[in-house]
Amino acid sequence: MLNLNQITIPSKDLVKSVKFYKTLGLNLIVDSIPRYARFECLKGEATLSLHHVENIAEGEGIVVYFEVEKLDEYIKTLIGKGLIFEDQPEDKSWLWRECRLKDPDGHQIILYYAGVNRKDPPWKIK
């Protein structure tokens, strides 16, 4: 069986990116700046790492979702810490509440809350 270990994201400036992801709420567990950094979420087992690159690929790019139970409250806290969001929390037709922002390298970050609909939406394959 597979279990997600980590996602690795390219970054042109790990100093800026590490600060961003720490502000977002991740815990830095490997600090090999300016080459590499690794974080853990305060809930769950998956980790997220950053590795230095000279250039970020153009196009749609990476989208990372982080689930937060008290989404609206959490976003207000992050705004107070200086993070800039693209929109306000919004209920989506797929039954998730979401809010978007970009990391320093332009990767799309979505904070959301889905509750039971995360893995068991009404249209789930039986």
Protein backbone atom coordinates (compact mmCIF):
# COMPACT_ATOMS: atom_id res chain seq x y z
CA MET A 1 0.00 0.00 0.00
CA LEU A 2 1.12 3.53 -0.72
CA ASN A 3 1.33 6.30 1.83
CA LEU A 4 2.27 9.85 0.89
CA ASN A 5 5.60 10.73 2.48
CA GLN A 6 6.36 14.17 1.14
CA ILE A 7 5.92 16.67 -1.63
CA THR A 8 9.01 18.59 -2.81
CA ILE A 9 8.54 22.08 -4.23
CA PRO A 10 11.15 23.99 -6.24
CA SER A 11 12.14 27.41 -4.92
CA LYS A 12 14.43 30.15 -6.21
CA ASP A 13 14.87 31.67 -2.74
CA LEU A 14 14.67 29.28 0.20
CA VAL A 15 15.10 32.04 2.77
CA LYS A 16 11.87 33.73 1.61
CA SER A 17 10.05 30.44 1.11
CA VAL A 18 11.02 29.03 4.50
CA LYS A 19 9.76 32.20 6.18
CA PHE A 20 6.48 31.91 4.23
CA TYR A 21 5.85 28.26 5.11
CA LYS A 22 6.76 28.83 8.77
CA THR A 23 4.29 31.74 8.85
CA LEU A 24 1.71 29.46 7.22
CA GLY A 25 2.10 27.15 10.22
CA LEU A 26 4.49 24.39 9.19
CA ASN A 27 7.25 23.18 11.51
CA LEU A 28 10.78 23.31 10.02
CA ILE A 29 12.52 19.96 10.66
CA VAL A 30 15.47 20.06 8.22
CA ASP A 31 17.38 23.30 7.63
CA SER A 32 19.94 22.99 4.84
CA ILE A 33 19.34 26.50 3.50
CA PRO A 34 20.08 27.67 0.84
CA ARG A 35 19.84 24.23 -0.80
CA TYR A 36 17.03 22.35 0.99
CA ALA A 37 14.45 22.60 3.77
CA ARG A 38 11.82 20.21 5.05
CA PHE A 39 8.67 20.82 7.09
CA GLU A 40 6.11 18.78 8.91
CA CYS A 41 2.48 19.66 9.44
CA LEU A 42 1.36 19.88 13.03
CA LYS A 43 -1.31 17.29 12.18
CA GLY A 44 -0.81 14.20 10.02
CA GLU A 45 2.28 12.42 8.78
CA ALA A 46 3.07 13.92 5.37
CA THR A 47 5.89 16.41 5.01
CA LEU A 48 6.69 19.18 2.55
CA SER A 49 10.17 20.05 1.36
CA LEU A 50 11.71 22.84 -0.67
CA HIS A 51 14.74 22.50 -2.92
CA HIS A 52 16.68 25.27 -4.59
CA VAL A 53 16.40 25.73 -8.35
CA GLU A 54 17.63 28.47 -10.64
CA ASN A 55 14.35 28.72 -12.55
CA ILE A 56 10.72 27.89 -11.84
CA ALA A 57 8.88 26.14 -14.67
CA GLU A 58 6.20 28.24 -16.32
CA GLY A 59 2.60 27.17 -16.66
CA GLU A 60 -0.04 25.93 -14.25
CA GLY A 61 2.55 24.67 -11.77
CA ILE A 62 2.09 23.20 -8.34
CA VAL A 63 -1.05 23.45 -6.23
CA VAL A 64 -0.81 22.49 -2.54
CA TYR A 65 -3.87 22.07 -0.32
CA PHE A 66 -3.69 22.39 3.46
CA GLU A 67 -6.79 21.53 5.48
CA VAL A 68 -7.62 23.77 8.44
CA GLU A 69 -10.64 23.02 10.62
CA LYS A 70 -11.29 26.63 11.72
CA LEU A 71 -10.48 28.09 8.32
CA ASP A 72 -11.88 31.62 8.60
CA GLU A 73 -10.29 32.18 11.99
CA TYR A 74 -6.93 30.80 10.78
CA ILE A 75 -6.93 33.03 7.71
CA LYS A 76 -7.57 36.12 9.85
CA THR A 77 -4.55 35.12 11.95
CA LEU A 78 -2.38 34.72 8.83
CA ILE A 79 -3.52 38.08 7.43
CA GLY A 80 -2.48 39.59 10.76
CA LYS A 81 0.97 38.05 10.20
CA GLY A 82 1.25 39.76 6.81
CA LEU A 83 0.22 37.04 4.36
CA ILE A 84 -1.77 38.27 1.37
CA PHE A 85 -4.66 36.19 0.08
CA GLU A 86 -6.11 36.25 -3.43
CA ASP A 87 -9.66 35.91 -2.15
CA GLN A 88 -11.78 35.45 0.95
CA PRO A 89 -12.93 32.05 2.26
CA GLU A 90 -15.72 30.80 0.05
CA ASP A 91 -18.00 27.74 -0.01
CA LYS A 92 -17.39 25.84 -3.26
CA SER A 93 -19.78 23.66 -5.24
CA TRP A 94 -17.63 20.60 -4.38
CA LEU A 95 -18.54 21.17 -0.69
CA TRP A 96 -15.19 22.55 0.46
CA ARG A 97 -14.61 26.00 1.93
CA GLU A 98 -11.45 27.49 0.37
CA CYS A 99 -9.16 30.48 0.31
CA ARG A 100 -6.12 30.95 -1.98
CA LEU A 101 -2.71 32.58 -1.84
CA LYS A 102 0.63 32.19 -3.59
CA ASP A 103 3.98 31.30 -2.05
CA PRO A 104 7.08 33.44 -2.85
CA ASP A 105 7.74 31.38 -6.01
CA GLY A 106 4.19 31.74 -7.30
CA HIS A 107 2.98 28.25 -6.37
CA GLN A 108 -0.75 28.12 -5.60
CA ILE A 109 -1.54 27.39 -1.96
CA ILE A 110 -5.13 26.59 -1.01
CA LEU A 111 -6.25 26.54 2.58
CA TYR A 112 -9.54 24.73 2.94
CA TYR A 113 -11.90 22.85 5.18
CA ALA A 114 -13.95 19.95 3.84
CA GLY A 115 -14.90 17.90 6.89
CA VAL A 116 -16.44 14.56 5.88
CA ASN A 117 -16.57 15.72 2.25
CA ARG A 118 -12.77 15.55 2.02
CA LYS A 119 -12.83 11.81 1.40
CA ASP A 120 -16.55 11.03 1.40
CA PRO A 121 -18.41 13.50 -0.83
CA PRO A 122 -21.96 12.54 -1.89
CA TRP A 123 -20.65 11.57 -5.37
CA LYS A 124 -17.92 9.21 -4.07
CA ILE A 125 -17.58 5.97 -5.99
CA LYS A 126 -19.04 3.13 -3.94
